[in-house]
Amino acid sequence: MQFEDVFFWIFGPVLITWIISCLVFARLSMARIERAIVAEGHPRPCEWDMQGMRIVTYALVIVAPYKWVSRPEFRRLMDPDLVRPHATPADRMRARLFITLLPIMLLTGAIGFFGLELYKKP
């Protein structure tokens, strides 16, 4: 078995697991939190979604320390005081899984892409 085969057997499950965690967090946690916030009469915390960054922002607001996400530069993206009260322990677990798998997927993909020089292959 070549290194290229090993890479695909490692990266494939990591990528699939990350995609599943992304979909589960977005549909089960994020959608429910947004509905609850809108039902209270507030606008959606993040109207603008640039290439899926809204999912990452929700996960960071739920998982990261309050002191970090309550800084003014982060508050422009999303108000943690609107999102955090609606997050359940299951939402926190899904957000942690999503945030943990994201750099693992990116790092594994970058190592394989540049280490195997996949960018040079036709």
PDB file of N, CA and C in Angstrom:
ATOM      1  N   MET A   1       0.849  -1.175   0.000  1.00  0.00           N
ATOM      2  CA  MET A   1       0.000   0.000   0.000  1.00  0.00           C
ATOM      3  C   MET A   1       0.900   1.246   0.000  1.00  0.00           C
ATOM      4  N   GLN A   2       0.617   2.144  -0.908  1.00  0.00           N
ATOM      5  CA  GLN A   2       1.409   3.357  -1.026  1.00  0.00           C
ATOM      6  C   GLN A   2       0.905   4.418  -0.058  1.00  0.00           C
ATOM      7  N   PHE A   3       1.756   5.440   0.143  1.00  0.00           N
ATOM      8  CA  PHE A   3       1.392   6.540   1.035  1.00  0.00           C
ATOM      9  C   PHE A   3       0.133   7.252   0.550  1.00  0.00           C
ATOM     10  N   GLU A   4      -0.014   7.336  -0.767  1.00  0.00           N
ATOM     11  CA  GLU A   4      -1.190   7.987  -1.336  1.00  0.00           C
ATOM     12  C   GLU A   4      -2.477   7.260  -0.929  1.00  0.00           C
ATOM     13  N   ASP A   5      -2.438   5.938  -0.921  1.00  0.00           N
ATOM     14  CA  ASP A   5      -3.601   5.155  -0.501  1.00  0.00           C
ATOM     15  C   ASP A   5      -3.898   5.360   0.978  1.00  0.00           C
ATOM     16  N   VAL A   6      -2.839   5.388   1.782  1.00  0.00           N
ATOM     17  CA  VAL A   6      -3.009   5.614   3.218  1.00  0.00           C
ATOM     18  C   VAL A   6      -3.648   6.983   3.463  1.00  0.00           C
ATOM     19  N   PHE A   7      -3.173   8.001   2.721  1.00  0.00           N
ATOM     20  CA  PHE A   7      -3.739   9.342   2.873  1.00  0.00           C
ATOM     21  C   PHE A   7      -5.240   9.331   2.601  1.00  0.00           C
ATOM     22  N   PHE A   8      -5.648   8.713   1.513  1.00  0.00           N
ATOM     23  CA  PHE A   8      -7.069   8.726   1.176  1.00  0.00           C
ATOM     24  C   PHE A   8      -7.896   7.924   2.182  1.00  0.00           C
ATOM     25  N   TRP A   9      -7.319   6.873   2.775  1.00  0.00           N
ATOM     26  CA  TRP A   9      -8.039   6.116   3.797  1.00  0.00           C
ATOM     27  C   TRP A   9      -8.133   6.888   5.113  1.00  0.00           C
ATOM     28  N   ILE A  10      -7.230   7.830   5.337  1.00  0.00           N
ATOM     29  CA  ILE A  10      -7.310   8.675   6.532  1.00  0.00           C
ATOM     30  C   ILE A  10      -8.172   9.903   6.264  1.00  0.00           C
ATOM     31  N   PHE A  11      -7.921  10.581   5.153  1.00  0.00           N
ATOM     32  CA  PHE A  11      -8.619  11.829   4.855  1.00  0.00           C
ATOM     33  C   PHE A  11     -10.096  11.598   4.542  1.00  0.00           C
ATOM     34  N   GLY A  12     -10.412  10.518   3.870  1.00  0.00           N
ATOM     35  CA  GLY A  12     -11.806  10.234   3.508  1.00  0.00           C
ATOM     36  C   GLY A  12     -12.731  10.186   4.720  1.00  0.00           C
ATOM     37  N   PRO A  13     -12.444   9.334   5.713  1.00  0.00           N
ATOM     38  CA  PRO A  13     -13.310   9.298   6.900  1.00  0.00           C
ATOM     39  C   PRO A  13     -13.328  10.609   7.682  1.00  0.00           C
ATOM     40  N   VAL A  14     -12.174  11.297   7.749  1.00  0.00           N
ATOM     41  CA  VAL A  14     -12.137  12.585   8.455  1.00  0.00           C
ATOM     42  C   VAL A  14     -13.054  13.581   7.750  1.00  0.00           C
ATOM     43  N   LEU A  15     -12.970  13.651   6.423  1.00  0.00           N
ATOM     44  CA  LEU A  15     -13.805  14.570   5.651  1.00  0.00           C
ATOM     45  C   LEU A  15     -15.286  14.228   5.787  1.00  0.00           C
ATOM     46  N   ILE A  16     -15.618  12.969   5.676  1.00  0.00           N
ATOM     47  CA  ILE A  16     -17.022  12.548   5.791  1.00  0.00           C
ATOM     48  C   ILE A  16     -17.565  12.842   7.185  1.00  0.00           C
ATOM     49  N   THR A  17     -16.762  12.579   8.221  1.00  0.00           N
ATOM     50  CA  THR A  17     -17.193  12.860   9.593  1.00  0.00           C
ATOM     51  C   THR A  17     -17.403  14.354   9.794  1.00  0.00           C
ATOM     52  N   TRP A  18     -16.499  15.188   9.244  1.00  0.00           N
ATOM     53  CA  TRP A  18     -16.649  16.633   9.374  1.00  0.00           C
ATOM     54  C   TRP A  18     -17.901  17.121   8.645  1.00  0.00           C
ATOM     55  N   ILE A  19     -18.158  16.606   7.456  1.00  0.00           N
ATOM     56  CA  ILE A  19     -19.353  17.018   6.700  1.00  0.00           C
ATOM     57  C   ILE A  19     -20.612  16.639   7.465  1.00  0.00           C
ATOM     58  N   ILE A  20     -20.645  15.447   8.023  1.00  0.00           N
ATOM     59  CA  ILE A  20     -21.808  15.015   8.804  1.00  0.00           C
ATOM     60  C   ILE A  20     -21.973  15.902  10.037  1.00  0.00           C
ATOM     61  N   SER A  21     -20.870  16.201  10.738  1.00  0.00           N
ATOM     62  CA  SER A  21     -20.980  17.058  11.926  1.00  0.00           C
ATOM     63  C   SER A  21     -21.437  18.459  11.546  1.00  0.00           C
ATOM     64  N   CYS A  22     -21.009  18.948  10.405  1.00  0.00           N
ATOM     65  CA  CYS A  22     -21.440  20.257   9.917  1.00  0.00           C
ATOM     66  C   CYS A  22     -22.946  20.269   9.652  1.00  0.00           C
ATOM     67  N   LEU A  23     -23.427  19.271   8.958  1.00  0.00           N
ATOM     68  CA  LEU A  23     -24.856  19.197   8.645  1.00  0.00           C
ATOM     69  C   LEU A  23     -25.703  19.014   9.903  1.00  0.00           C
ATOM     70  N   VAL A  24     -25.251  18.155  10.806  1.00  0.00           N
ATOM     71  CA  VAL A  24     -26.009  17.906  12.039  1.00  0.00           C
ATOM     72  C   VAL A  24     -26.046  19.170  12.892  1.00  0.00           C
ATOM     73  N   PHE A  25     -24.909  19.849  13.050  1.00  0.00           N
ATOM     74  CA  PHE A  25     -24.901  21.073  13.843  1.00  0.00           C
ATOM     75  C   PHE A  25     -25.773  22.145  13.205  1.00  0.00           C
ATOM     76  N   ALA A  26     -25.670  22.300  11.896  1.00  0.00           N
ATOM     77  CA  ALA A  26     -26.439  23.350  11.215  1.00  0.00           C
ATOM     78  C   ALA A  26     -27.943  23.081  11.297  1.00  0.00           C
ATOM     79  N   ARG A  27     -28.357  21.859  11.085  1.00  0.00           N
ATOM     80  CA  ARG A  27     -29.794  21.565  11.043  1.00  0.00           C
ATOM     81  C   ARG A  27     -30.396  21.396  12.435  1.00  0.00           C
ATOM     82  N   LEU A  28     -29.707  20.738  13.349  1.00  0.00           N
ATOM     83  CA  LEU A  28     -30.300  20.467  14.653  1.00  0.00           C
ATOM     84  C   LEU A  28     -30.081  21.590  15.658  1.00  0.00           C
ATOM     85  N   SER A  29     -28.923  22.198  15.651  1.00  0.00           N
ATOM     86  CA  SER A  29     -28.617  23.219  16.657  1.00  0.00           C
ATOM     87  C   SER A  29     -28.875  24.622  16.145  1.00  0.00           C
ATOM     88  N   MET A  30     -28.226  24.962  15.050  1.00  0.00           N
ATOM     89  CA  MET A  30     -28.288  26.328  14.550  1.00  0.00           C
ATOM     90  C   MET A  30     -29.705  26.739  14.157  1.00  0.00           C
ATOM     91  N   ALA A  31     -30.383  25.877  13.446  1.00  0.00           N
ATOM     92  CA  ALA A  31     -31.744  26.209  13.000  1.00  0.00           C
ATOM     93  C   ALA A  31     -32.681  26.392  14.193  1.00  0.00           C
ATOM     94  N   ARG A  32     -32.563  25.540  15.206  1.00  0.00           N
ATOM     95  CA  ARG A  32     -33.418  25.651  16.384  1.00  0.00           C
ATOM     96  C   ARG A  32     -33.122  26.934  17.161  1.00  0.00           C
ATOM     97  N   ILE A  33     -31.836  27.253  17.303  1.00  0.00           N
ATOM     98  CA  ILE A  33     -31.461  28.475  18.022  1.00  0.00           C
ATOM     99  C   ILE A  33     -31.982  29.704  17.279  1.00  0.00           C
ATOM    100  N   GLU A  34     -31.846  29.733  15.961  1.00  0.00           N
ATOM    101  CA  GLU A  34     -32.343  30.874  15.184  1.00  0.00           C
ATOM    102  C   GLU A  34     -33.851  31.024  15.311  1.00  0.00           C
ATOM    103  N   ARG A  35     -34.572  29.899  15.257  1.00  0.00           N
ATOM    104  CA  ARG A  35     -36.038  29.971  15.401  1.00  0.00           C
ATOM    105  C   ARG A  35     -36.423  30.521  16.768  1.00  0.00           C
ATOM    106  N   ALA A  36     -35.711  30.102  17.809  1.00  0.00           N
ATOM    107  CA  ALA A  36     -36.012  30.582  19.162  1.00  0.00           C
ATOM    108  C   ALA A  36     -35.723  32.076  19.295  1.00  0.00           C
ATOM    109  N   ILE A  37     -34.653  32.544  18.688  1.00  0.00           N
ATOM    110  CA  ILE A  37     -34.311  33.968  18.763  1.00  0.00           C
ATOM    111  C   ILE A  37     -35.332  34.804  18.003  1.00  0.00           C
ATOM    112  N   VAL A  38     -35.730  34.354  16.835  1.00  0.00           N
ATOM    113  CA  VAL A  38     -36.735  35.076  16.043  1.00  0.00           C
ATOM    114  C   VAL A  38     -38.086  35.054  16.755  1.00  0.00           C
ATOM    115  N   ALA A  39     -38.406  33.945  17.432  1.00  0.00           N
ATOM    116  CA  ALA A  39     -39.673  33.858  18.165  1.00  0.00           C
ATOM    117  C   ALA A  39     -39.713  34.853  19.322  1.00  0.00           C
ATOM    118  N   GLU A  40     -38.559  35.209  19.877  1.00  0.00           N
ATOM    119  CA  GLU A  40     -38.500  36.211  20.943  1.00  0.00           C
ATOM    120  C   GLU A  40     -38.656  37.633  20.412  1.00  0.00           C
ATOM    121  N   GLY A  41     -38.639  37.783  19.091  1.00  0.00           N
ATOM    122  CA  GLY A  41     -38.799  39.104  18.502  1.00  0.00           C
ATOM    123  C   GLY A  41     -37.507  39.783  18.097  1.00  0.00           C
ATOM    124  N   HIS A  42     -36.382  39.079  18.235  1.00  0.00           N
ATOM    125  CA  HIS A  42     -35.089  39.632  17.828  1.00  0.00           C
ATOM    126  C   HIS A  42     -34.827  39.276  16.363  1.00  0.00           C
ATOM    127  N   PRO A  43     -34.005  40.052  15.673  1.00  0.00           N
ATOM    128  CA  PRO A  43     -33.611  39.645  14.315  1.00  0.00           C
ATOM    129  C   PRO A  43     -32.625  38.482  14.393  1.00  0.00           C
ATOM    130  N   ARG A  44     -32.469  37.777  13.276  1.00  0.00           N
ATOM    131  CA  ARG A  44     -31.486  36.694  13.248  1.00  0.00           C
ATOM    132  C   ARG A  44     -30.124  37.251  13.630  1.00  0.00           C
ATOM    133  N   PRO A  45     -29.359  36.546  14.453  1.00  0.00           N
ATOM    134  CA  PRO A  45     -28.075  37.070  14.926  1.00  0.00           C
ATOM    135  C   PRO A  45     -27.057  37.305  13.813  1.00  0.00           C
ATOM    136  N   CYS A  46     -27.154  36.557  12.757  1.00  0.00           N
ATOM    137  CA  CYS A  46     -26.185  36.683  11.670  1.00  0.00           C
ATOM    138  C   CYS A  46     -26.936  36.548  10.350  1.00  0.00           C
ATOM    139  N   GLU A  47     -27.308  37.668   9.784  1.00  0.00           N
ATOM    140  CA  GLU A  47     -28.064  37.653   8.528  1.00  0.00           C
ATOM    141  C   GLU A  47     -27.202  37.214   7.357  1.00  0.00           C
ATOM    142  N   TRP A  48     -25.942  37.546   7.391  1.00  0.00           N
ATOM    143  CA  TRP A  48     -25.053  37.334   6.261  1.00  0.00           C
ATOM    144  C   TRP A  48     -24.285  36.036   6.427  1.00  0.00           C
ATOM    145  N   ASP A  49     -24.289  35.194   5.398  1.00  0.00           N
ATOM    146  CA  ASP A  49     -23.569  33.930   5.452  1.00  0.00           C
ATOM    147  C   ASP A  49     -22.572  33.864   4.305  1.00  0.00           C
ATOM    148  N   MET A  50     -21.326  34.153   4.616  1.00  0.00           N
ATOM    149  CA  MET A  50     -20.287  34.115   3.596  1.00  0.00           C
ATOM    150  C   MET A  50     -19.683  32.719   3.544  1.00  0.00           C
ATOM    151  N   GLN A  51     -20.041  31.940   2.564  1.00  0.00           N
ATOM    152  CA  GLN A  51     -19.485  30.609   2.316  1.00  0.00           C
ATOM    153  C   GLN A  51     -19.481  29.725   3.556  1.00  0.00           C
ATOM    154  N   GLY A  52     -20.572  29.731   4.287  1.00  0.00           N
ATOM    155  CA  GLY A  52     -20.698  28.857   5.444  1.00  0.00           C
ATOM    156  C   GLY A  52     -20.054  29.357   6.719  1.00  0.00           C
ATOM    157  N   MET A  53     -19.592  30.578   6.746  1.00  0.00           N
ATOM    158  CA  MET A  53     -18.947  31.098   7.946  1.00  0.00           C
ATOM    159  C   MET A  53     -19.933  31.284   9.100  1.00  0.00           C
ATOM    160  N   ARG A  54     -21.209  31.349   8.786  1.00  0.00           N
ATOM    161  CA  ARG A  54     -22.212  31.494   9.843  1.00  0.00           C
ATOM    162  C   ARG A  54     -22.192  30.272  10.757  1.00  0.00           C
ATOM    163  N   ILE A  55     -21.982  29.092  10.188  1.00  0.00           N
ATOM    164  CA  ILE A  55     -21.927  27.864  10.986  1.00  0.00           C
ATOM    165  C   ILE A  55     -20.736  27.924  11.946  1.00  0.00           C
ATOM    166  N   VAL A  56     -19.585  28.342  11.429  1.00  0.00           N
ATOM    167  CA  VAL A  56     -18.387  28.448  12.272  1.00  0.00           C
ATOM    168  C   VAL A  56     -18.607  29.488  13.367  1.00  0.00           C
ATOM    169  N   THR A  57     -19.249  30.606  13.016  1.00  0.00           N
ATOM    170  CA  THR A  57     -19.486  31.668  13.994  1.00  0.00           C
ATOM    171  C   THR A  57     -20.418  31.187  15.103  1.00  0.00           C
ATOM    172  N   TYR A  58     -21.499  30.520  14.752  1.00  0.00           N
ATOM    173  CA  TYR A  58     -22.392  29.957  15.777  1.00  0.00           C
ATOM    174  C   TYR A  58     -21.632  29.000  16.688  1.00  0.00           C
ATOM    175  N   ALA A  59     -20.848  28.097  16.099  1.00  0.00           N
ATOM    176  CA  ALA A  59     -20.114  27.115  16.898  1.00  0.00           C
ATOM    177  C   ALA A  59     -19.119  27.804  17.832  1.00  0.00           C
ATOM    178  N   LEU A  60     -18.432  28.825  17.337  1.00  0.00           N
ATOM    179  CA  LEU A  60     -17.490  29.540  18.200  1.00  0.00           C
ATOM    180  C   LEU A  60     -18.202  30.272  19.330  1.00  0.00           C
ATOM    181  N   VAL A  61     -19.338  30.875  19.034  1.00  0.00           N
ATOM    182  CA  VAL A  61     -20.087  31.581  20.084  1.00  0.00           C
ATOM    183  C   VAL A  61     -20.528  30.611  21.173  1.00  0.00           C
ATOM    184  N   ILE A  62     -20.882  29.412  20.792  1.00  0.00           N
ATOM    185  CA  ILE A  62     -21.358  28.423  21.764  1.00  0.00           C
ATOM    186  C   ILE A  62     -20.195  27.815  22.560  1.00  0.00           C
ATOM    187  N   VAL A  63     -19.060  27.572  21.910  1.00  0.00           N
ATOM    188  CA  VAL A  63     -17.965  26.829  22.527  1.00  0.00           C
ATOM    189  C   VAL A  63     -16.908  27.718  23.177  1.00  0.00           C
ATOM    190  N   ALA A  64     -16.553  28.816  22.535  1.00  0.00           N
ATOM    191  CA  ALA A  64     -15.435  29.643  23.005  1.00  0.00           C
ATOM    192  C   ALA A  64     -15.787  30.340  24.321  1.00  0.00           C
ATOM    193  N   PRO A  65     -14.778  30.710  25.098  1.00  0.00           N
ATOM    194  CA  PRO A  65     -15.032  31.430  26.348  1.00  0.00           C
ATOM    195  C   PRO A  65     -15.768  32.746  26.095  1.00  0.00           C
ATOM    196  N   TYR A  66     -16.668  33.083  26.999  1.00  0.00           N
ATOM    197  CA  TYR A  66     -17.493  34.288  26.832  1.00  0.00           C
ATOM    198  C   TYR A  66     -16.637  35.541  26.709  1.00  0.00           C
ATOM    199  N   LYS A  67     -15.555  35.589  27.466  1.00  0.00           N
ATOM    200  CA  LYS A  67     -14.683  36.771  27.422  1.00  0.00           C
ATOM    201  C   LYS A  67     -14.136  37.001  26.008  1.00  0.00           C
ATOM    202  N   TRP A  68     -13.873  35.938  25.292  1.00  0.00           N
ATOM    203  CA  TRP A  68     -13.328  36.052  23.940  1.00  0.00           C
ATOM    204  C   TRP A  68     -14.395  36.474  22.933  1.00  0.00           C
ATOM    205  N   VAL A  69     -15.577  35.857  22.998  1.00  0.00           N
ATOM    206  CA  VAL A  69     -16.614  36.164  21.997  1.00  0.00           C
ATOM    207  C   VAL A  69     -17.392  37.434  22.316  1.00  0.00           C
ATOM    208  N   SER A  70     -17.206  37.989  23.503  1.00  0.00           N
ATOM    209  CA  SER A  70     -17.919  39.224  23.831  1.00  0.00           C
ATOM    210  C   SER A  70     -17.112  40.471  23.493  1.00  0.00           C
ATOM    211  N   ARG A  71     -15.935  40.289  22.913  1.00  0.00           N
ATOM    212  CA  ARG A  71     -15.145  41.442  22.493  1.00  0.00           C
ATOM    213  C   ARG A  71     -15.873  42.193  21.379  1.00  0.00           C
ATOM    214  N   PRO A  72     -15.707  43.503  21.297  1.00  0.00           N
ATOM    215  CA  PRO A  72     -16.435  44.303  20.295  1.00  0.00           C
ATOM    216  C   PRO A  72     -16.188  43.856  18.857  1.00  0.00           C
ATOM    217  N   GLU A  73     -14.977  43.451  18.536  1.00  0.00           N
ATOM    218  CA  GLU A  73     -14.708  43.043  17.150  1.00  0.00           C
ATOM    219  C   GLU A  73     -15.419  41.747  16.783  1.00  0.00           C
ATOM    220  N   PHE A  74     -15.684  40.877  17.759  1.00  0.00           N
ATOM    221  CA  PHE A  74     -16.433  39.656  17.476  1.00  0.00           C
ATOM    222  C   PHE A  74     -17.929  39.919  17.505  1.00  0.00           C
ATOM    223  N   ARG A  75     -18.367  40.844  18.338  1.00  0.00           N
ATOM    224  CA  ARG A  75     -19.793  41.163  18.440  1.00  0.00           C
ATOM    225  C   ARG A  75     -20.367  41.695  17.132  1.00  0.00           C
ATOM    226  N   ARG A  76     -19.504  42.253  16.280  1.00  0.00           N
ATOM    227  CA  ARG A  76     -19.997  42.704  14.979  1.00  0.00           C
ATOM    228  C   ARG A  76     -20.492  41.531  14.149  1.00  0.00           C
ATOM    229  N   LEU A  77     -19.909  40.360  14.369  1.00  0.00           N
ATOM    230  CA  LEU A  77     -20.350  39.172  13.637  1.00  0.00           C
ATOM    231  C   LEU A  77     -21.618  38.584  14.245  1.00  0.00           C
ATOM    232  N   MET A  78     -21.631  38.443  15.585  1.00  0.00           N
ATOM    233  CA  MET A  78     -22.774  37.812  16.246  1.00  0.00           C
ATOM    234  C   MET A  78     -22.769  38.170  17.726  1.00  0.00           C
ATOM    235  N   ASP A  79     -23.949  38.385  18.267  1.00  0.00           N
ATOM    236  CA  ASP A  79     -24.090  38.734  19.674  1.00  0.00           C
ATOM    237  C   ASP A  79     -24.211  37.452  20.505  1.00  0.00           C
ATOM    238  N   PRO A  80     -23.213  37.148  21.346  1.00  0.00           N
ATOM    239  CA  PRO A  80     -23.283  35.926  22.138  1.00  0.00           C
ATOM    240  C   PRO A  80     -24.414  35.945  23.165  1.00  0.00           C
ATOM    241  N   ASP A  81     -24.857  37.137  23.582  1.00  0.00           N
ATOM    242  CA  ASP A  81     -25.947  37.213  24.557  1.00  0.00           C
ATOM    243  C   ASP A  81     -27.283  36.760  23.973  1.00  0.00           C
ATOM    244  N   LEU A  82     -27.417  36.768  22.667  1.00  0.00           N
ATOM    245  CA  LEU A  82     -28.629  36.252  22.033  1.00  0.00           C
ATOM    246  C   LEU A  82     -28.556  34.743  21.821  1.00  0.00           C
ATOM    247  N   VAL A  83     -27.366  34.242  21.505  1.00  0.00           N
ATOM    248  CA  VAL A  83     -27.225  32.833  21.115  1.00  0.00           C
ATOM    249  C   VAL A  83     -27.042  31.901  22.306  1.00  0.00           C
ATOM    250  N   ARG A  84     -26.173  32.258  23.225  1.00  0.00           N
ATOM    251  CA  ARG A  84     -25.810  31.344  24.310  1.00  0.00           C
ATOM    252  C   ARG A  84     -26.974  30.885  25.200  1.00  0.00           C
ATOM    253  N   PRO A  85     -27.929  31.739  25.538  1.00  0.00           N
ATOM    254  CA  PRO A  85     -29.015  31.243  26.388  1.00  0.00           C
ATOM    255  C   PRO A  85     -29.852  30.125  25.756  1.00  0.00           C
ATOM    256  N   HIS A  86     -29.841  30.039  24.443  1.00  0.00           N
ATOM    257  CA  HIS A  86     -30.643  29.022  23.752  1.00  0.00           C
ATOM    258  C   HIS A  86     -29.867  27.739  23.476  1.00  0.00           C
ATOM    259  N   ALA A  87     -28.577  27.718  23.759  1.00  0.00           N
ATOM    260  CA  ALA A  87     -27.751  26.542  23.492  1.00  0.00           C
ATOM    261  C   ALA A  87     -27.927  25.503  24.600  1.00  0.00           C
ATOM    262  N   THR A  88     -28.240  24.296  24.207  1.00  0.00           N
ATOM    263  CA  THR A  88     -28.392  23.182  25.142  1.00  0.00           C
ATOM    264  C   THR A  88     -27.054  22.438  25.255  1.00  0.00           C
ATOM    265  N   PRO A  89     -26.920  21.535  26.224  1.00  0.00           N
ATOM    266  CA  PRO A  89     -25.692  20.730  26.295  1.00  0.00           C
ATOM    267  C   PRO A  89     -25.429  19.932  25.009  1.00  0.00           C
ATOM    268  N   ALA A  90     -26.486  19.465  24.357  1.00  0.00           N
ATOM    269  CA  ALA A  90     -26.303  18.747  23.087  1.00  0.00           C
ATOM    270  C   ALA A  90     -25.754  19.687  22.010  1.00  0.00           C
ATOM    271  N   ASP A  91     -26.221  20.940  22.012  1.00  0.00           N
ATOM    272  CA  ASP A  91     -25.697  21.919  21.050  1.00  0.00           C
ATOM    273  C   ASP A  91     -24.213  22.172  21.306  1.00  0.00           C
ATOM    274  N   ARG A  92     -23.837  22.248  22.568  1.00  0.00           N
ATOM    275  CA  ARG A  92     -22.430  22.467  22.903  1.00  0.00           C
ATOM    276  C   ARG A  92     -21.565  21.288  22.451  1.00  0.00           C
ATOM    277  N   MET A  93     -22.077  20.076  22.615  1.00  0.00           N
ATOM    278  CA  MET A  93     -21.339  18.900  22.183  1.00  0.00           C
ATOM    279  C   MET A  93     -21.182  18.898  20.660  1.00  0.00           C
ATOM    280  N   ARG A  94     -22.258  19.203  19.937  1.00  0.00           N
ATOM    281  CA  ARG A  94     -22.175  19.258  18.470  1.00  0.00           C
ATOM    282  C   ARG A  94     -21.224  20.348  18.011  1.00  0.00           C
ATOM    283  N   ALA A  95     -21.255  21.503  18.676  1.00  0.00           N
ATOM    284  CA  ALA A  95     -20.363  22.604  18.315  1.00  0.00           C
ATOM    285  C   ALA A  95     -18.903  22.234  18.587  1.00  0.00           C
ATOM    286  N   ARG A  96     -18.639  21.584  19.714  1.00  0.00           N
ATOM    287  CA  ARG A  96     -17.262  21.158  20.024  1.00  0.00           C
ATOM    288  C   ARG A  96     -16.751  20.159  18.990  1.00  0.00           C
ATOM    289  N   LEU A  97     -17.598  19.207  18.618  1.00  0.00           N
ATOM    290  CA  LEU A  97     -17.203  18.219  17.620  1.00  0.00           C
ATOM    291  C   LEU A  97     -16.906  18.901  16.288  1.00  0.00           C
ATOM    292  N   PHE A  98     -17.768  19.808  15.869  1.00  0.00           N
ATOM    293  CA  PHE A  98     -17.575  20.525  14.613  1.00  0.00           C
ATOM    294  C   PHE A  98     -16.285  21.347  14.647  1.00  0.00           C
ATOM    295  N   ILE A  99     -16.066  22.107  15.707  1.00  0.00           N
ATOM    296  CA  ILE A  99     -14.877  22.956  15.832  1.00  0.00           C
ATOM    297  C   ILE A  99     -13.607  22.113  15.948  1.00  0.00           C
ATOM    298  N   THR A 100     -13.675  20.960  16.585  1.00  0.00           N
ATOM    299  CA  THR A 100     -12.504  20.088  16.716  1.00  0.00           C
ATOM    300  C   THR A 100     -12.149  19.436  15.384  1.00  0.00           C
ATOM    301  N   LEU A 101     -13.155  18.999  14.645  1.00  0.00           N
ATOM    302  CA  LEU A 101     -12.901  18.316  13.379  1.00  0.00           C
ATOM    303  C   LEU A 101     -12.463  19.262  12.271  1.00  0.00           C
ATOM    304  N   LEU A 102     -12.829  20.535  12.351  1.00  0.00           N
ATOM    305  CA  LEU A 102     -12.484  21.477  11.289  1.00  0.00           C
ATOM    306  C   LEU A 102     -10.968  21.606  11.085  1.00  0.00           C
ATOM    307  N   PRO A 103     -10.165  21.917  12.109  1.00  0.00           N
ATOM    308  CA  PRO A 103      -8.717  22.006  11.854  1.00  0.00           C
ATOM    309  C   PRO A 103      -8.082  20.656  11.535  1.00  0.00           C
ATOM    310  N   ILE A 104      -8.629  19.567  12.090  1.00  0.00           N
ATOM    311  CA  ILE A 104      -8.095  18.243  11.772  1.00  0.00           C
ATOM    312  C   ILE A 104      -8.292  17.956  10.290  1.00  0.00           C
ATOM    313  N   MET A 105      -9.476  18.267   9.773  1.00  0.00           N
ATOM    314  CA  MET A 105      -9.756  18.055   8.357  1.00  0.00           C
ATOM    315  C   MET A 105      -8.867  18.936   7.487  1.00  0.00           C
ATOM    316  N   LEU A 106      -8.723  20.213   7.855  1.00  0.00           N
ATOM    317  CA  LEU A 106      -7.890  21.123   7.071  1.00  0.00           C
ATOM    318  C   LEU A 106      -6.423  20.707   7.096  1.00  0.00           C
ATOM    319  N   LEU A 107      -5.924  20.330   8.258  1.00  0.00           N
ATOM    320  CA  LEU A 107      -4.531  19.921   8.379  1.00  0.00           C
ATOM    321  C   LEU A 107      -4.265  18.623   7.615  1.00  0.00           C
ATOM    322  N   THR A 108      -5.143  17.654   7.756  1.00  0.00           N
ATOM    323  CA  THR A 108      -4.980  16.394   7.044  1.00  0.00           C
ATOM    324  C   THR A 108      -5.026  16.617   5.537  1.00  0.00           C
ATOM    325  N   GLY A 109      -5.959  17.452   5.087  1.00  0.00           N
ATOM    326  CA  GLY A 109      -6.059  17.753   3.662  1.00  0.00           C
ATOM    327  C   GLY A 109      -4.832  18.482   3.139  1.00  0.00           C
ATOM    328  N   ALA A 110      -4.328  19.433   3.902  1.00  0.00           N
ATOM    329  CA  ALA A 110      -3.147  20.187   3.468  1.00  0.00           C
ATOM    330  C   ALA A 110      -1.906  19.293   3.425  1.00  0.00           C
ATOM    331  N   ILE A 111      -1.749  18.436   4.421  1.00  0.00           N
ATOM    332  CA  ILE A 111      -0.599  17.519   4.430  1.00  0.00           C
ATOM    333  C   ILE A 111      -0.658  16.595   3.220  1.00  0.00           C
ATOM    334  N   GLY A 112      -1.814  16.062   2.954  1.00  0.00           N
ATOM    335  CA  GLY A 112      -1.943  15.177   1.794  1.00  0.00           C
ATOM    336  C   GLY A 112      -1.779  15.910   0.481  1.00  0.00           C
ATOM    337  N   PHE A 113      -2.373  17.083   0.374  1.00  0.00           N
ATOM    338  CA  PHE A 113      -2.336  17.842  -0.874  1.00  0.00           C
ATOM    339  C   PHE A 113      -0.910  18.281  -1.211  1.00  0.00           C
ATOM    340  N   PHE A 114      -0.214  18.848  -0.234  1.00  0.00           N
ATOM    341  CA  PHE A 114       1.136  19.322  -0.496  1.00  0.00           C
ATOM    342  C   PHE A 114       2.177  18.218  -0.325  1.00  0.00           C
ATOM    343  N   GLY A 115       1.976  17.328   0.627  1.00  0.00           N
ATOM    344  CA  GLY A 115       2.928  16.236   0.854  1.00  0.00           C
ATOM    345  C   GLY A 115       2.955  15.252  -0.294  1.00  0.00           C
ATOM    346  N   LEU A 116       1.820  14.975  -0.869  1.00  0.00           N
ATOM    347  CA  LEU A 116       1.745  14.062  -2.009  1.00  0.00           C
ATOM    348  C   LEU A 116       1.867  14.783  -3.340  1.00  0.00           C
ATOM    349  N   GLU A 117       1.996  16.104  -3.271  1.00  0.00           N
ATOM    350  CA  GLU A 117       2.076  16.955  -4.458  1.00  0.00           C
ATOM    351  C   GLU A 117       0.897  16.698  -5.401  1.00  0.00           C
ATOM    352  N   LEU A 118      -0.289  16.615  -4.808  1.00  0.00           N
ATOM    353  CA  LEU A 118      -1.491  16.385  -5.607  1.00  0.00           C
ATOM    354  C   LEU A 118      -1.810  17.570  -6.508  1.00  0.00           C
ATOM    355  N   TYR A 119      -1.282  18.734  -6.158  1.00  0.00           N
ATOM    356  CA  TYR A 119      -1.527  19.912  -6.974  1.00  0.00           C
ATOM    357  C   TYR A 119      -0.799  19.837  -8.312  1.00  0.00           C
ATOM    358  N   LYS A 120       0.193  18.951  -8.449  1.00  0.00           N
ATOM    359  CA  LYS A 120       0.938  18.809  -9.687  1.00  0.00           C
ATOM    360  C   LYS A 120       0.352  17.740 -10.612  1.00  0.00           C
ATOM    361  N   LYS A 121      -0.484  16.880 -10.081  1.00  0.00           N
ATOM    362  CA  LYS A 121      -1.025  15.773 -10.879  1.00  0.00           C
ATOM    363  C   LYS A 121      -2.177  16.263 -11.740  1.00  0.00           C
ATOM    364  N   PRO A 122      -2.266  15.746 -12.963  1.00  0.00           N
ATOM    365  CA  PRO A 122      -3.346  16.185 -13.866  1.00  0.00           C
ATOM    366  C   PRO A 122      -4.697  15.690 -13.441  1.00  0.00           C
TER     367      PRO A 122
END
